[in-house]
Amino acid sequence: MQLVQKKQEQISNAAFTPSHIDLIKDMYFKGSSNEEFLMFVHVCKKTGLDPAMRQIFPVKRWDSKAKKEIMTVQTGIDGYRLIAERTGRYAPGREPTYQYDNGKPFAATAYVKKQTADG
C-alpha cells in the first residue's frame, strides 16, 4: 500500500496537473503499469514535450524475446517541429504532397530545408 502511495506522489510531482495526469492515463495507459506511466512522464519532463499536444506518445510493441509488449516512447511530427523550433534555426519546407491511386493514398513526399553555416 505504501509503495502505491509513493508512486502516486511521484506521478503527482511530475509537472502535470491531476486532471492532465488523468487525461494522459485515460488516453494512453489503459492496461499499463504505473512504472510505464512514470517512465513516460519522466521522458516528457526531460524533453519538454506534451502528450496532450500530440508531440510525444507511448507506444507498445510486441517483443518476441521478452514474449510481451514493451513500451517505448515515440516523438510525433509536432514534437520534432517543436524541438527544431527551439534551436532557432528551424526552416520548415513547403507543404507535403500526396499521390493517390483509386482514391487511396500510396505515396507522400515531405520537404525539409537545412540551414547551413552560410545561411
C-alpha atoms as a PDB file:
ATOM      1  CA  MET A   1       0.000   0.000   0.000  1.00  0.00           C
ATOM      2  CA  GLN A   2       2.850   2.396   0.846  1.00  0.00           C
ATOM      3  CA  LEU A   3       4.545   1.642  -2.473  1.00  0.00           C
ATOM      4  CA  VAL A   4       1.405   2.572  -4.429  1.00  0.00           C
ATOM      5  CA  GLN A   5       1.060   5.812  -2.450  1.00  0.00           C
ATOM      6  CA  LYS A   6       4.726   6.667  -3.097  1.00  0.00           C
ATOM      7  CA  LYS A   7       4.279   6.057  -6.830  1.00  0.00           C
ATOM      8  CA  GLN A   8       1.187   8.271  -6.865  1.00  0.00           C
ATOM      9  CA  GLU A   9       3.236  11.025  -5.185  1.00  0.00           C
ATOM     10  CA  GLN A  10       5.942  10.619  -7.845  1.00  0.00           C
ATOM     11  CA  ILE A  11       3.322  10.921 -10.579  1.00  0.00           C
ATOM     12  CA  SER A  12       1.755  13.975  -8.930  1.00  0.00           C
ATOM     13  CA  ASN A  13       5.144  15.697  -8.695  1.00  0.00           C
ATOM     14  CA  ALA A  14       5.805  15.196 -12.400  1.00  0.00           C
ATOM     15  CA  ALA A  15       4.839  18.758 -13.525  1.00  0.00           C
ATOM     16  CA  PHE A  16       1.371  17.809 -14.736  1.00  0.00           C
ATOM     17  CA  THR A  17      -1.874  18.811 -13.053  1.00  0.00           C
ATOM     18  CA  PRO A  18      -4.033  15.999 -11.644  1.00  0.00           C
ATOM     19  CA  SER A  19      -6.555  16.460 -14.477  1.00  0.00           C
ATOM     20  CA  HIS A  20      -3.714  16.354 -17.033  1.00  0.00           C
ATOM     21  CA  ILE A  21      -2.471  13.103 -15.469  1.00  0.00           C
ATOM     22  CA  ASP A  22      -5.966  11.587 -15.621  1.00  0.00           C
ATOM     23  CA  LEU A  23      -6.308  12.609 -19.267  1.00  0.00           C
ATOM     24  CA  ILE A  24      -2.951  11.098 -20.235  1.00  0.00           C
ATOM     25  CA  LYS A  25      -3.706   7.879 -18.362  1.00  0.00           C
ATOM     26  CA  ASP A  26      -7.142   7.614 -19.978  1.00  0.00           C
ATOM     27  CA  MET A  27      -5.807   8.313 -23.480  1.00  0.00           C
ATOM     28  CA  TYR A  28      -2.684   6.146 -23.496  1.00  0.00           C
ATOM     29  CA  PHE A  29      -2.305   3.949 -20.441  1.00  0.00           C
ATOM     30  CA  LYS A  30      -5.294   1.642 -20.217  1.00  0.00           C
ATOM     31  CA  GLY A  31      -3.896  -1.686 -19.049  1.00  0.00           C
ATOM     32  CA  SER A  32      -0.436  -0.264 -18.445  1.00  0.00           C
ATOM     33  CA  SER A  33       1.612  -0.236 -15.270  1.00  0.00           C
ATOM     34  CA  ASN A  34       2.394   2.757 -13.085  1.00  0.00           C
ATOM     35  CA  GLU A  35       6.074   2.168 -13.887  1.00  0.00           C
ATOM     36  CA  GLU A  36       5.394   2.618 -17.620  1.00  0.00           C
ATOM     37  CA  PHE A  37       3.434   5.767 -16.882  1.00  0.00           C
ATOM     38  CA  LEU A  38       6.203   7.153 -14.652  1.00  0.00           C
ATOM     39  CA  MET A  39       8.812   6.466 -17.336  1.00  0.00           C
ATOM     40  CA  PHE A  40       6.687   8.239 -19.927  1.00  0.00           C
ATOM     41  CA  VAL A  41       6.152  11.259 -17.664  1.00  0.00           C
ATOM     42  CA  HIS A  42       9.900  11.349 -16.967  1.00  0.00           C
ATOM     43  CA  VAL A  43      10.664  11.464 -20.702  1.00  0.00           C
ATOM     44  CA  CYS A  44       8.025  14.175 -21.197  1.00  0.00           C
ATOM     45  CA  LYS A  45       9.646  16.293 -18.484  1.00  0.00           C
ATOM     46  CA  LYS A  46      13.181  15.791 -19.829  1.00  0.00           C
ATOM     47  CA  THR A  47      12.221  16.633 -23.414  1.00  0.00           C
ATOM     48  CA  GLY A  48       9.657  19.314 -22.629  1.00  0.00           C
ATOM     49  CA  LEU A  49       7.178  17.620 -24.962  1.00  0.00           C
ATOM     50  CA  ASP A  50       3.441  17.471 -24.223  1.00  0.00           C
ATOM     51  CA  PRO A  51       1.378  14.357 -24.988  1.00  0.00           C
ATOM     52  CA  ALA A  52      -1.857  16.361 -24.924  1.00  0.00           C
ATOM     53  CA  MET A  53      -0.450  18.418 -27.809  1.00  0.00           C
ATOM     54  CA  ARG A  54       0.358  15.201 -29.709  1.00  0.00           C
ATOM     55  CA  GLN A  55       4.096  15.858 -29.507  1.00  0.00           C
ATOM     56  CA  ILE A  56       5.050  12.586 -27.806  1.00  0.00           C
ATOM     57  CA  PHE A  57       3.404   9.164 -27.499  1.00  0.00           C
ATOM     58  CA  PRO A  58       3.813   5.943 -25.533  1.00  0.00           C
ATOM     59  CA  VAL A  59       3.820   3.042 -27.997  1.00  0.00           C
ATOM     60  CA  LYS A  60       3.608  -0.628 -27.092  1.00  0.00           C
ATOM     61  CA  ARG A  61       5.152  -3.174 -29.426  1.00  0.00           C
ATOM     62  CA  TRP A  62       5.441  -6.927 -29.151  1.00  0.00           C
ATOM     63  CA  ASP A  63       8.912  -8.084 -28.126  1.00  0.00           C
ATOM     64  CA  SER A  64       9.345 -11.683 -29.278  1.00  0.00           C
ATOM     65  CA  LYS A  65      12.339 -12.256 -26.999  1.00  0.00           C
ATOM     66  CA  ALA A  66      10.553 -10.996 -23.887  1.00  0.00           C
ATOM     67  CA  LYS A  67       7.281 -12.514 -25.151  1.00  0.00           C
ATOM     68  CA  LYS A  68       5.310  -9.454 -24.070  1.00  0.00           C
ATOM     69  CA  GLU A  69       4.512  -5.923 -25.124  1.00  0.00           C
ATOM     70  CA  ILE A  70       7.224  -3.397 -24.328  1.00  0.00           C
ATOM     71  CA  MET A  71       6.524   0.321 -24.116  1.00  0.00           C
ATOM     72  CA  THR A  72       8.714   2.738 -25.992  1.00  0.00           C
ATOM     73  CA  VAL A  73       8.380   6.491 -26.273  1.00  0.00           C
ATOM     74  CA  GLN A  74       7.925   7.934 -29.736  1.00  0.00           C
ATOM     75  CA  THR A  75       8.194  11.580 -30.762  1.00  0.00           C
ATOM     76  CA  GLY A  76       5.481  12.797 -33.118  1.00  0.00           C
ATOM     77  CA  ILE A  77       5.968  15.211 -36.002  1.00  0.00           C
ATOM     78  CA  ASP A  78       4.709  18.089 -33.848  1.00  0.00           C
ATOM     79  CA  GLY A  79       7.318  17.177 -31.232  1.00  0.00           C
ATOM     80  CA  TYR A  80      10.065  17.199 -33.837  1.00  0.00           C
ATOM     81  CA  ARG A  81       8.850  20.580 -35.072  1.00  0.00           C
ATOM     82  CA  LEU A  82       8.973  21.971 -31.545  1.00  0.00           C
ATOM     83  CA  ILE A  83      12.468  20.585 -30.988  1.00  0.00           C
ATOM     84  CA  ALA A  84      13.589  22.133 -34.271  1.00  0.00           C
ATOM     85  CA  GLU A  85      11.948  25.460 -33.384  1.00  0.00           C
ATOM     86  CA  ARG A  86      13.853  25.528 -30.089  1.00  0.00           C
ATOM     87  CA  THR A  87      17.145  25.559 -31.999  1.00  0.00           C
ATOM     88  CA  GLY A  88      16.307  28.929 -33.512  1.00  0.00           C
ATOM     89  CA  ARG A  89      17.325  27.540 -36.904  1.00  0.00           C
ATOM     90  CA  TYR A  90      14.091  25.845 -37.958  1.00  0.00           C
ATOM     91  CA  ALA A  91      13.252  26.439 -41.604  1.00  0.00           C
ATOM     92  CA  PRO A  92      10.119  24.479 -42.495  1.00  0.00           C
ATOM     93  CA  GLY A  93       9.829  23.179 -46.019  1.00  0.00           C
ATOM     94  CA  ARG A  94       6.815  23.555 -48.249  1.00  0.00           C
ATOM     95  CA  GLU A  95       3.625  21.604 -47.604  1.00  0.00           C
ATOM     96  CA  PRO A  96       3.826  17.830 -48.180  1.00  0.00           C
ATOM     97  CA  THR A  97       2.374  16.359 -51.360  1.00  0.00           C
ATOM     98  CA  TYR A  98       0.335  13.174 -51.648  1.00  0.00           C
ATOM     99  CA  GLN A  99      -0.308  10.781 -54.527  1.00  0.00           C
ATOM    100  CA  TYR A 100      -3.459   8.696 -54.751  1.00  0.00           C
ATOM    101  CA  ASP A 101      -4.441   5.588 -56.663  1.00  0.00           C
ATOM    102  CA  ASN A 102      -8.185   4.973 -56.969  1.00  0.00           C
ATOM    103  CA  GLY A 103      -8.808   7.388 -54.116  1.00  0.00           C
ATOM    104  CA  LYS A 104      -6.350   5.684 -51.765  1.00  0.00           C
ATOM    105  CA  PRO A 105      -3.046   7.302 -50.794  1.00  0.00           C
ATOM    106  CA  PHE A 106       0.015   5.378 -51.957  1.00  0.00           C
ATOM    107  CA  ALA A 107       2.832   7.938 -51.651  1.00  0.00           C
ATOM    108  CA  ALA A 108       3.685  11.074 -49.706  1.00  0.00           C
ATOM    109  CA  THR A 109       6.584  13.477 -50.059  1.00  0.00           C
ATOM    110  CA  ALA A 110       7.768  15.735 -47.245  1.00  0.00           C
ATOM    111  CA  TYR A 111      10.059  18.666 -47.929  1.00  0.00           C
ATOM    112  CA  VAL A 112      12.786  19.671 -45.497  1.00  0.00           C
ATOM    113  CA  LYS A 113      15.170  22.595 -45.570  1.00  0.00           C
ATOM    114  CA  LYS A 114      18.545  22.543 -43.913  1.00  0.00           C
ATOM    115  CA  GLN A 115      20.076  25.770 -42.765  1.00  0.00           C
ATOM    116  CA  THR A 116      23.787  25.692 -43.444  1.00  0.00           C
ATOM    117  CA  ALA A 117      26.540  27.680 -41.737  1.00  0.00           C
ATOM    118  CA  ASP A 118      26.498  30.241 -44.557  1.00  0.00           C
ATOM    119  CA  GLY A 119      22.756  30.848 -44.028  1.00  0.00           C
END
